[in-house]
């Protein structure tokens, strides 16, 4: 979780309770957030970059809950929005806030984004199953020849794993239409390379649905683009490079760090405080 998300949790009074579940107190002390390493086709991982942030990068265990109701469609009227569910139930509301990516099937076209093994498929439409179950060995085969540090982690996977394509949405000009607004994955589903998806959903909620229409696309779309470029940067193909040569390795590190800074530029371009104030001025 990034500090901008933590600031929101502080403002709504959740930080003290959540702090009880963290091993490190959230303060301004620089702590390592994560390490970037090359693990493909090397005898041992090669460290590329240690990423430090104030307070580090707190993480929480994820929980799931199921409402046992599948959304199918909606119809907007002059007075409300009528929702239709798979079990035949209907519901009405004044404003529909779509937070799940499935809702965007009624708003824009989804596209698949492929990583690593077939980068030429970036931006192509994916027509296969969204989630399939594969045996653990199938995953291990994809990482054959990787450094033991990486494969040791993969050995901890369960015998059956879920596999799905990494998808993103064509950037939207706004996150609202009529009585329907979008936040989180419904507005800007992103790849996982920056770990920012859930945090951005919290930001969307914090700014309020009415303001999402005009202000949030700038930040949400910038984050999506940054995450896409982060994927390209972290999954570069280093095969054929003599990484034992200090000059070659230093060039690899410099190029990585330079691109890394560009990918996270949206954090500084859209500081939480200033664009929140600008959003309020639009009310």
C-alpha atoms as a PDB file:
ATOM      1  CA  UNK A   1       0.000   0.000   0.000  1.00  0.00           C
ATOM      2  CA  UNK A   2       1.348   3.390  -1.038  1.00  0.00           C
ATOM      3  CA  UNK A   3       1.488   6.376   1.288  1.00  0.00           C
ATOM      4  CA  UNK A   4      -1.210   8.205  -0.684  1.00  0.00           C
ATOM      5  CA  UNK A   5      -3.662   5.398   0.124  1.00  0.00           C
ATOM      6  CA  UNK A   6      -2.553   5.353   3.755  1.00  0.00           C
ATOM      7  CA  UNK A   7      -3.264   9.106   3.980  1.00  0.00           C
ATOM      8  CA  UNK A   8      -6.845   8.474   2.910  1.00  0.00           C
ATOM      9  CA  UNK A   9      -7.249   5.759   5.543  1.00  0.00           C
ATOM     10  CA  UNK A  10      -5.946   8.250   8.099  1.00  0.00           C
ATOM     11  CA  UNK A  11      -8.488  10.856   7.004  1.00  0.00           C
ATOM     12  CA  UNK A  12     -11.416   8.453   7.368  1.00  0.00           C
ATOM     13  CA  UNK A  13     -10.168   7.173  10.728  1.00  0.00           C
ATOM     14  CA  UNK A  14      -9.141   3.618   9.827  1.00  0.00           C
ATOM     15  CA  UNK A  15      -5.382   3.937  10.249  1.00  0.00           C
ATOM     16  CA  UNK A  16      -5.194   3.189  13.995  1.00  0.00           C
ATOM     17  CA  UNK A  17      -7.158  -0.028  13.701  1.00  0.00           C
ATOM     18  CA  UNK A  18      -5.237  -1.164  10.609  1.00  0.00           C
ATOM     19  CA  UNK A  19      -1.917  -0.302  12.261  1.00  0.00           C
ATOM     20  CA  UNK A  20      -2.590  -3.138  14.732  1.00  0.00           C
ATOM     21  CA  UNK A  21      -2.158  -5.611  11.861  1.00  0.00           C
ATOM     22  CA  UNK A  22       1.218  -4.238  10.715  1.00  0.00           C
ATOM     23  CA  UNK A  23       4.664  -5.218  11.988  1.00  0.00           C
ATOM     24  CA  UNK A  24       6.130  -1.743  11.364  1.00  0.00           C
ATOM     25  CA  UNK A  25       4.806   1.605  12.533  1.00  0.00           C
ATOM     26  CA  UNK A  26       3.892   3.860   9.617  1.00  0.00           C
ATOM     27  CA  UNK A  27       6.129   6.922   9.852  1.00  0.00           C
ATOM     28  CA  UNK A  28       8.540   8.875   7.639  1.00  0.00           C
ATOM     29  CA  UNK A  29      11.462   6.489   8.148  1.00  0.00           C
ATOM     30  CA  UNK A  30      12.749   5.285   4.719  1.00  0.00           C
ATOM     31  CA  UNK A  31      12.324   1.535   4.471  1.00  0.00           C
ATOM     32  CA  UNK A  32      12.718  -0.862   1.579  1.00  0.00           C
ATOM     33  CA  UNK A  33       9.482  -1.409  -0.296  1.00  0.00           C
ATOM     34  CA  UNK A  34      10.678  -4.083  -2.711  1.00  0.00           C
ATOM     35  CA  UNK A  35      13.671  -5.327  -4.645  1.00  0.00           C
ATOM     36  CA  UNK A  36      13.972  -5.643  -8.422  1.00  0.00           C
ATOM     37  CA  UNK A  37      16.077  -8.610  -9.537  1.00  0.00           C
ATOM     38  CA  UNK A  38      16.938 -10.513 -12.698  1.00  0.00           C
ATOM     39  CA  UNK A  39      16.090 -14.171 -12.157  1.00  0.00           C
ATOM     40  CA  UNK A  40      15.731 -15.580 -15.680  1.00  0.00           C
ATOM     41  CA  UNK A  41      18.523 -17.798 -17.031  1.00  0.00           C
ATOM     42  CA  UNK A  42      21.016 -16.921 -14.282  1.00  0.00           C
ATOM     43  CA  UNK A  43      22.597 -19.095 -11.601  1.00  0.00           C
ATOM     44  CA  UNK A  44      21.548 -16.668  -8.885  1.00  0.00           C
ATOM     45  CA  UNK A  45      19.418 -13.525  -8.785  1.00  0.00           C
ATOM     46  CA  UNK A  46      21.120 -10.281  -9.770  1.00  0.00           C
ATOM     47  CA  UNK A  47      19.927  -7.270  -7.809  1.00  0.00           C
ATOM     48  CA  UNK A  48      18.989  -4.330 -10.055  1.00  0.00           C
ATOM     49  CA  UNK A  49      17.318  -1.818  -7.772  1.00  0.00           C
ATOM     50  CA  UNK A  50      16.226  -1.463  -4.137  1.00  0.00           C
ATOM     51  CA  UNK A  51      13.125   0.706  -3.904  1.00  0.00           C
ATOM     52  CA  UNK A  52      12.771   2.705  -0.672  1.00  0.00           C
ATOM     53  CA  UNK A  53       9.734   4.662   0.494  1.00  0.00           C
ATOM     54  CA  UNK A  54       8.876   6.537   3.666  1.00  0.00           C
ATOM     55  CA  UNK A  55       7.344   3.934   5.949  1.00  0.00           C
ATOM     56  CA  UNK A  56       8.116   1.171   3.466  1.00  0.00           C
ATOM     57  CA  UNK A  57       5.242  -0.638   1.775  1.00  0.00           C
ATOM     58  CA  UNK A  58       2.647  -1.939   4.283  1.00  0.00           C
ATOM     59  CA  UNK A  59       0.607  -4.920   3.156  1.00  0.00           C
ATOM     60  CA  UNK A  60      -2.500  -6.593   4.481  1.00  0.00           C
ATOM     61  CA  UNK A  61      -3.941 -10.055   4.056  1.00  0.00           C
ATOM     62  CA  UNK A  62      -6.678 -10.067   1.418  1.00  0.00           C
ATOM     63  CA  UNK A  63     -10.197 -11.210   2.223  1.00  0.00           C
ATOM     64  CA  UNK A  64     -12.995 -12.201  -0.086  1.00  0.00           C
ATOM     65  CA  UNK A  65     -16.719 -12.029   0.309  1.00  0.00           C
ATOM     66  CA  UNK A  66     -19.406 -13.264  -2.038  1.00  0.00           C
ATOM     67  CA  UNK A  67     -22.801 -11.625  -2.448  1.00  0.00           C
ATOM     68  CA  UNK A  68     -24.120 -14.659  -4.367  1.00  0.00           C
ATOM     69  CA  UNK A  69     -25.729 -12.418  -6.926  1.00  0.00           C
ATOM     70  CA  UNK A  70     -24.471 -11.907 -10.473  1.00  0.00           C
ATOM     71  CA  UNK A  71     -25.128  -8.603 -12.196  1.00  0.00           C
ATOM     72  CA  UNK A  72     -26.417  -8.825 -15.789  1.00  0.00           C
ATOM     73  CA  UNK A  73     -27.514  -5.401 -16.992  1.00  0.00           C
ATOM     74  CA  UNK A  74     -28.997  -2.069 -16.067  1.00  0.00           C
ATOM     75  CA  UNK A  75     -31.504   0.367 -17.550  1.00  0.00           C
ATOM     76  CA  UNK A  76     -31.351   4.055 -16.826  1.00  0.00           C
ATOM     77  CA  UNK A  77     -34.592   6.053 -16.584  1.00  0.00           C
ATOM     78  CA  UNK A  78     -35.296   9.711 -15.902  1.00  0.00           C
ATOM     79  CA  UNK A  79     -35.779   8.984 -12.189  1.00  0.00           C
ATOM     80  CA  UNK A  80     -33.469   6.057 -11.334  1.00  0.00           C
ATOM     81  CA  UNK A  81     -31.415   3.083 -12.499  1.00  0.00           C
ATOM     82  CA  UNK A  82     -32.937  -0.410 -12.656  1.00  0.00           C
ATOM     83  CA  UNK A  83     -30.550  -3.332 -12.082  1.00  0.00           C
ATOM     84  CA  UNK A  84     -31.113  -6.860 -13.392  1.00  0.00           C
ATOM     85  CA  UNK A  85     -29.492  -9.898 -11.759  1.00  0.00           C
ATOM     86  CA  UNK A  86     -29.044 -13.474 -12.969  1.00  0.00           C
ATOM     87  CA  UNK A  87     -31.425 -14.896 -10.352  1.00  0.00           C
ATOM     88  CA  UNK A  88     -34.286 -12.756 -11.677  1.00  0.00           C
ATOM     89  CA  UNK A  89     -34.110 -10.174  -8.900  1.00  0.00           C
ATOM     90  CA  UNK A  90     -34.304  -6.494  -9.847  1.00  0.00           C
ATOM     91  CA  UNK A  91     -33.309  -3.452  -7.804  1.00  0.00           C
ATOM     92  CA  UNK A  92     -33.529   0.317  -8.174  1.00  0.00           C
ATOM     93  CA  UNK A  93     -31.131   3.082  -7.181  1.00  0.00           C
ATOM     94  CA  UNK A  94     -30.643   6.803  -7.757  1.00  0.00           C
ATOM     95  CA  UNK A  95     -26.974   6.412  -8.691  1.00  0.00           C
ATOM     96  CA  UNK A  96     -25.196   3.255  -9.853  1.00  0.00           C
ATOM     97  CA  UNK A  97     -21.543   3.003  -8.837  1.00  0.00           C
ATOM     98  CA  UNK A  98     -19.804   0.189 -10.713  1.00  0.00           C
ATOM     99  CA  UNK A  99     -16.701  -1.086  -8.926  1.00  0.00           C
ATOM    100  CA  UNK A 100     -16.222  -4.498 -10.524  1.00  0.00           C
ATOM    101  CA  UNK A 101     -14.578  -4.869 -13.920  1.00  0.00           C
ATOM    102  CA  UNK A 102     -17.465  -6.943 -15.223  1.00  0.00           C
ATOM    103  CA  UNK A 103     -19.712  -3.864 -15.337  1.00  0.00           C
ATOM    104  CA  UNK A 104     -17.522  -2.257 -17.972  1.00  0.00           C
ATOM    105  CA  UNK A 105     -18.695  -4.828 -20.496  1.00  0.00           C
ATOM    106  CA  UNK A 106     -21.590  -2.411 -20.941  1.00  0.00           C
ATOM    107  CA  UNK A 107     -19.365   0.629 -21.306  1.00  0.00           C
ATOM    108  CA  UNK A 108     -16.274  -0.114 -23.350  1.00  0.00           C
ATOM    109  CA  UNK A 109     -14.301  -2.887 -24.986  1.00  0.00           C
ATOM    110  CA  UNK A 110     -11.928  -4.971 -22.894  1.00  0.00           C
ATOM    111  CA  UNK A 111      -8.541  -5.964 -24.248  1.00  0.00           C
ATOM    112  CA  UNK A 112      -6.004  -8.473 -23.115  1.00  0.00           C
ATOM    113  CA  UNK A 113      -2.382  -7.616 -22.413  1.00  0.00           C
ATOM    114  CA  UNK A 114       0.227 -10.376 -22.565  1.00  0.00           C
ATOM    115  CA  UNK A 115       3.508 -10.401 -20.660  1.00  0.00           C
ATOM    116  CA  UNK A 116       6.873 -12.045 -20.957  1.00  0.00           C
ATOM    117  CA  UNK A 117       6.474 -15.080 -23.179  1.00  0.00           C
ATOM    118  CA  UNK A 118       4.718 -13.323 -26.067  1.00  0.00           C
ATOM    119  CA  UNK A 119       5.132  -9.522 -25.858  1.00  0.00           C
ATOM    120  CA  UNK A 120       3.920  -9.131 -29.454  1.00  0.00           C
ATOM    121  CA  UNK A 121       0.378  -9.679 -28.168  1.00  0.00           C
ATOM    122  CA  UNK A 122       0.323  -6.427 -26.224  1.00  0.00           C
ATOM    123  CA  UNK A 123      -3.010  -4.751 -26.869  1.00  0.00           C
ATOM    124  CA  UNK A 124      -4.635  -7.655 -28.729  1.00  0.00           C
ATOM    125  CA  UNK A 125      -8.150  -8.828 -27.927  1.00  0.00           C
ATOM    126  CA  UNK A 126      -8.358 -11.967 -25.798  1.00  0.00           C
ATOM    127  CA  UNK A 127     -11.191 -14.392 -26.594  1.00  0.00           C
ATOM    128  CA  UNK A 128     -10.262 -17.320 -24.343  1.00  0.00           C
ATOM    129  CA  UNK A 129     -11.513 -18.298 -20.901  1.00  0.00           C
ATOM    130  CA  UNK A 130     -10.902 -15.668 -18.264  1.00  0.00           C
ATOM    131  CA  UNK A 131      -9.832 -18.070 -15.518  1.00  0.00           C
ATOM    132  CA  UNK A 132      -8.610 -21.649 -15.929  1.00  0.00           C
ATOM    133  CA  UNK A 133      -7.161 -24.098 -13.427  1.00  0.00           C
ATOM    134  CA  UNK A 134      -3.732 -25.533 -14.214  1.00  0.00           C
ATOM    135  CA  UNK A 135      -1.503 -27.950 -12.277  1.00  0.00           C
ATOM    136  CA  UNK A 136       1.412 -26.583 -10.296  1.00  0.00           C
ATOM    137  CA  UNK A 137       3.856 -28.286 -12.679  1.00  0.00           C
ATOM    138  CA  UNK A 138       2.497 -26.200 -15.558  1.00  0.00           C
ATOM    139  CA  UNK A 139       3.591 -23.065 -13.721  1.00  0.00           C
ATOM    140  CA  UNK A 140       6.981 -24.525 -12.830  1.00  0.00           C
ATOM    141  CA  UNK A 141       7.601 -25.366 -16.484  1.00  0.00           C
ATOM    142  CA  UNK A 142       7.209 -21.689 -17.425  1.00  0.00           C
ATOM    143  CA  UNK A 143      10.113 -20.805 -15.112  1.00  0.00           C
ATOM    144  CA  UNK A 144      12.493 -23.595 -16.010  1.00  0.00           C
ATOM    145  CA  UNK A 145      16.087 -22.364 -15.816  1.00  0.00           C
ATOM    146  CA  UNK A 146      15.332 -19.485 -13.463  1.00  0.00           C
ATOM    147  CA  UNK A 147      17.429 -18.783 -10.376  1.00  0.00           C
ATOM    148  CA  UNK A 148      16.794 -21.016  -7.330  1.00  0.00           C
ATOM    149  CA  UNK A 149      15.612 -18.009  -5.312  1.00  0.00           C
ATOM    150  CA  UNK A 150      12.662 -17.642  -7.697  1.00  0.00           C
ATOM    151  CA  UNK A 151      11.854 -21.306  -8.203  1.00  0.00           C
ATOM    152  CA  UNK A 152      11.927 -21.905  -4.434  1.00  0.00           C
ATOM    153  CA  UNK A 153       9.015 -19.484  -4.077  1.00  0.00           C
ATOM    154  CA  UNK A 154       7.098 -21.256  -6.837  1.00  0.00           C
ATOM    155  CA  UNK A 155       7.466 -24.547  -4.991  1.00  0.00           C
ATOM    156  CA  UNK A 156       5.171 -23.082  -2.322  1.00  0.00           C
ATOM    157  CA  UNK A 157       2.272 -22.890  -4.778  1.00  0.00           C
ATOM    158  CA  UNK A 158      -0.707 -25.240  -4.244  1.00  0.00           C
ATOM    159  CA  UNK A 159      -1.062 -28.293  -6.479  1.00  0.00           C
ATOM    160  CA  UNK A 160      -3.784 -26.548  -8.495  1.00  0.00           C
ATOM    161  CA  UNK A 161      -3.338 -22.913  -9.585  1.00  0.00           C
ATOM    162  CA  UNK A 162      -5.602 -20.394 -11.260  1.00  0.00           C
ATOM    163  CA  UNK A 163      -4.346 -18.830 -14.478  1.00  0.00           C
ATOM    164  CA  UNK A 164      -5.781 -15.766 -16.144  1.00  0.00           C
ATOM    165  CA  UNK A 165      -4.710 -13.212 -18.778  1.00  0.00           C
ATOM    166  CA  UNK A 166      -3.516  -9.798 -17.648  1.00  0.00           C
ATOM    167  CA  UNK A 167      -6.076  -7.372 -19.016  1.00  0.00           C
ATOM    168  CA  UNK A 168      -6.414  -3.649 -19.278  1.00  0.00           C
ATOM    169  CA  UNK A 169      -9.098  -1.354 -20.622  1.00  0.00           C
ATOM    170  CA  UNK A 170      -8.822   1.222 -23.356  1.00  0.00           C
ATOM    171  CA  UNK A 171      -8.428   4.491 -21.465  1.00  0.00           C
ATOM    172  CA  UNK A 172     -11.745   6.269 -20.929  1.00  0.00           C
ATOM    173  CA  UNK A 173     -12.316   9.980 -21.398  1.00  0.00           C
ATOM    174  CA  UNK A 174     -14.453  10.071 -18.256  1.00  0.00           C
ATOM    175  CA  UNK A 175     -15.599   7.661 -15.567  1.00  0.00           C
ATOM    176  CA  UNK A 176     -19.283   8.512 -15.637  1.00  0.00           C
ATOM    177  CA  UNK A 177     -22.325   8.676 -17.857  1.00  0.00           C
ATOM    178  CA  UNK A 178     -25.717   9.886 -16.702  1.00  0.00           C
ATOM    179  CA  UNK A 179     -26.629   8.165 -13.426  1.00  0.00           C
ATOM    180  CA  UNK A 180     -23.837   5.596 -13.788  1.00  0.00           C
ATOM    181  CA  UNK A 181     -20.276   6.138 -12.579  1.00  0.00           C
ATOM    182  CA  UNK A 182     -17.305   3.800 -12.342  1.00  0.00           C
ATOM    183  CA  UNK A 183     -14.466   3.336  -9.908  1.00  0.00           C
ATOM    184  CA  UNK A 184     -11.656   0.846  -9.337  1.00  0.00           C
ATOM    185  CA  UNK A 185     -11.424  -1.981 -11.858  1.00  0.00           C
ATOM    186  CA  UNK A 186     -14.627  -0.889 -13.587  1.00  0.00           C
ATOM    187  CA  UNK A 187     -12.954   2.408 -14.533  1.00  0.00           C
ATOM    188  CA  UNK A 188      -9.284   1.550 -14.909  1.00  0.00           C
ATOM    189  CA  UNK A 189      -8.493  -2.176 -14.594  1.00  0.00           C
ATOM    190  CA  UNK A 190      -4.721  -2.436 -14.547  1.00  0.00           C
ATOM    191  CA  UNK A 191      -1.895  -4.916 -14.600  1.00  0.00           C
ATOM    192  CA  UNK A 192      -0.382  -5.848 -11.203  1.00  0.00           C
ATOM    193  CA  UNK A 193       3.152  -4.537 -11.761  1.00  0.00           C
ATOM    194  CA  UNK A 194       2.788  -1.488  -9.491  1.00  0.00           C
ATOM    195  CA  UNK A 195       0.422  -2.967  -6.902  1.00  0.00           C
ATOM    196  CA  UNK A 196      -1.775   0.128  -7.202  1.00  0.00           C
ATOM    197  CA  UNK A 197      -5.168  -1.205  -8.285  1.00  0.00           C
ATOM    198  CA  UNK A 198      -6.820  -1.520  -4.865  1.00  0.00           C
ATOM    199  CA  UNK A 199      -5.298   1.752  -3.676  1.00  0.00           C
ATOM    200  CA  UNK A 200      -6.674   3.588  -6.689  1.00  0.00           C
ATOM    201  CA  UNK A 201     -10.134   2.138  -5.995  1.00  0.00           C
ATOM    202  CA  UNK A 202      -9.915   3.621  -2.495  1.00  0.00           C
ATOM    203  CA  UNK A 203      -8.904   6.971  -3.990  1.00  0.00           C
ATOM    204  CA  UNK A 204     -11.821   6.824  -6.419  1.00  0.00           C
ATOM    205  CA  UNK A 205     -14.210   6.230  -3.551  1.00  0.00           C
ATOM    206  CA  UNK A 206     -12.660   9.010  -1.516  1.00  0.00           C
ATOM    207  CA  UNK A 207     -13.027  11.627  -4.239  1.00  0.00           C
ATOM    208  CA  UNK A 208     -16.737  10.712  -4.603  1.00  0.00           C
ATOM    209  CA  UNK A 209     -18.610   9.358  -7.565  1.00  0.00           C
ATOM    210  CA  UNK A 210     -19.744  12.745  -8.898  1.00  0.00           C
ATOM    211  CA  UNK A 211     -16.184  14.006  -9.102  1.00  0.00           C
ATOM    212  CA  UNK A 212     -14.909  10.843 -10.797  1.00  0.00           C
ATOM    213  CA  UNK A 213     -16.520  11.947 -14.046  1.00  0.00           C
ATOM    214  CA  UNK A 214     -14.142  14.869 -14.601  1.00  0.00           C
ATOM    215  CA  UNK A 215     -11.062  14.522 -12.418  1.00  0.00           C
ATOM    216  CA  UNK A 216     -10.150  10.889 -11.836  1.00  0.00           C
ATOM    217  CA  UNK A 217      -9.384   9.850 -15.465  1.00  0.00           C
ATOM    218  CA  UNK A 218      -6.169  11.901 -15.370  1.00  0.00           C
ATOM    219  CA  UNK A 219      -4.767   9.946 -12.419  1.00  0.00           C
ATOM    220  CA  UNK A 220      -6.344   6.568 -13.114  1.00  0.00           C
ATOM    221  CA  UNK A 221      -5.235   6.477 -16.747  1.00  0.00           C
ATOM    222  CA  UNK A 222      -1.744   7.722 -15.863  1.00  0.00           C
ATOM    223  CA  UNK A 223      -1.444   4.885 -13.323  1.00  0.00           C
ATOM    224  CA  UNK A 224      -2.561   2.314 -15.916  1.00  0.00           C
ATOM    225  CA  UNK A 225       0.043   3.543 -18.404  1.00  0.00           C
ATOM    226  CA  UNK A 226       2.724   3.558 -15.715  1.00  0.00           C
ATOM    227  CA  UNK A 227       1.897   0.000 -14.704  1.00  0.00           C
ATOM    228  CA  UNK A 228       1.997  -1.146 -18.333  1.00  0.00           C
ATOM    229  CA  UNK A 229       5.454   0.363 -18.794  1.00  0.00           C
ATOM    230  CA  UNK A 230       6.559  -1.128 -15.465  1.00  0.00           C
ATOM    231  CA  UNK A 231       5.656  -4.532 -16.833  1.00  0.00           C
ATOM    232  CA  UNK A 232       7.842  -3.993 -19.878  1.00  0.00           C
ATOM    233  CA  UNK A 233      10.665  -2.708 -17.690  1.00  0.00           C
ATOM    234  CA  UNK A 234      10.612  -5.495 -15.097  1.00  0.00           C
ATOM    235  CA  UNK A 235      10.289  -8.222 -17.728  1.00  0.00           C
ATOM    236  CA  UNK A 236      13.057  -7.144 -20.078  1.00  0.00           C
ATOM    237  CA  UNK A 237      14.851  -9.908 -21.881  1.00  0.00           C
ATOM    238  CA  UNK A 238      18.446  -9.947 -20.629  1.00  0.00           C
ATOM    239  CA  UNK A 239      19.389 -13.106 -22.480  1.00  0.00           C
ATOM    240  CA  UNK A 240      22.458 -12.592 -24.635  1.00  0.00           C
ATOM    241  CA  UNK A 241      23.916  -9.963 -22.322  1.00  0.00           C
ATOM    242  CA  UNK A 242      27.126 -10.647 -20.445  1.00  0.00           C
ATOM    243  CA  UNK A 243      25.907  -9.646 -16.990  1.00  0.00           C
ATOM    244  CA  UNK A 244      29.245 -10.617 -15.459  1.00  0.00           C
ATOM    245  CA  UNK A 245      30.767  -7.630 -17.275  1.00  0.00           C
ATOM    246  CA  UNK A 246      30.590  -4.675 -14.810  1.00  0.00           C
ATOM    247  CA  UNK A 247      30.052  -2.140 -17.599  1.00  0.00           C
ATOM    248  CA  UNK A 248      27.182  -4.123 -19.106  1.00  0.00           C
ATOM    249  CA  UNK A 249      25.555  -4.645 -15.711  1.00  0.00           C
ATOM    250  CA  UNK A 250      25.927  -0.965 -14.822  1.00  0.00           C
ATOM    251  CA  UNK A 251      24.238   0.035 -18.088  1.00  0.00           C
ATOM    252  CA  UNK A 252      21.384  -2.391 -17.378  1.00  0.00           C
ATOM    253  CA  UNK A 253      20.914  -0.892 -13.913  1.00  0.00           C
ATOM    254  CA  UNK A 254      21.015   2.705 -15.214  1.00  0.00           C
ATOM    255  CA  UNK A 255      18.427   1.990 -17.922  1.00  0.00           C
ATOM    256  CA  UNK A 256      16.170   0.224 -15.442  1.00  0.00           C
ATOM    257  CA  UNK A 257      16.292   3.025 -12.864  1.00  0.00           C
ATOM    258  CA  UNK A 258      15.706   5.710 -15.517  1.00  0.00           C
ATOM    259  CA  UNK A 259      12.592   3.952 -16.805  1.00  0.00           C
ATOM    260  CA  UNK A 260      11.480   3.177 -13.255  1.00  0.00           C
ATOM    261  CA  UNK A 261      11.394   6.903 -12.440  1.00  0.00           C
ATOM    262  CA  UNK A 262       9.295   7.629 -15.536  1.00  0.00           C
ATOM    263  CA  UNK A 263       6.806   4.852 -14.725  1.00  0.00           C
ATOM    264  CA  UNK A 264       6.061   6.333 -11.303  1.00  0.00           C
ATOM    265  CA  UNK A 265       5.904   9.949 -12.439  1.00  0.00           C
ATOM    266  CA  UNK A 266       2.117  10.013 -11.931  1.00  0.00           C
ATOM    267  CA  UNK A 267       2.682  10.000  -8.163  1.00  0.00           C
ATOM    268  CA  UNK A 268       4.288  13.446  -8.310  1.00  0.00           C
ATOM    269  CA  UNK A 269       2.274  14.850 -11.223  1.00  0.00           C
ATOM    270  CA  UNK A 270      -1.005  14.309  -9.381  1.00  0.00           C
ATOM    271  CA  UNK A 271      -0.402  14.787  -5.622  1.00  0.00           C
ATOM    272  CA  UNK A 272      -3.421  13.779  -3.576  1.00  0.00           C
ATOM    273  CA  UNK A 273      -3.886  17.101  -1.785  1.00  0.00           C
ATOM    274  CA  UNK A 274      -3.821  19.435  -4.792  1.00  0.00           C
ATOM    275  CA  UNK A 275      -6.096  17.516  -7.128  1.00  0.00           C
ATOM    276  CA  UNK A 276      -8.538  16.766  -4.295  1.00  0.00           C
ATOM    277  CA  UNK A 277      -8.842  20.521  -3.696  1.00  0.00           C
ATOM    278  CA  UNK A 278      -9.308  21.102  -7.411  1.00  0.00           C
ATOM    279  CA  UNK A 279     -12.072  18.486  -7.457  1.00  0.00           C
ATOM    280  CA  UNK A 280     -13.889  20.168  -4.574  1.00  0.00           C
ATOM    281  CA  UNK A 281     -13.714  23.524  -6.399  1.00  0.00           C
ATOM    282  CA  UNK A 282     -15.662  21.956  -9.258  1.00  0.00           C
ATOM    283  CA  UNK A 283     -18.678  21.199  -7.055  1.00  0.00           C
END
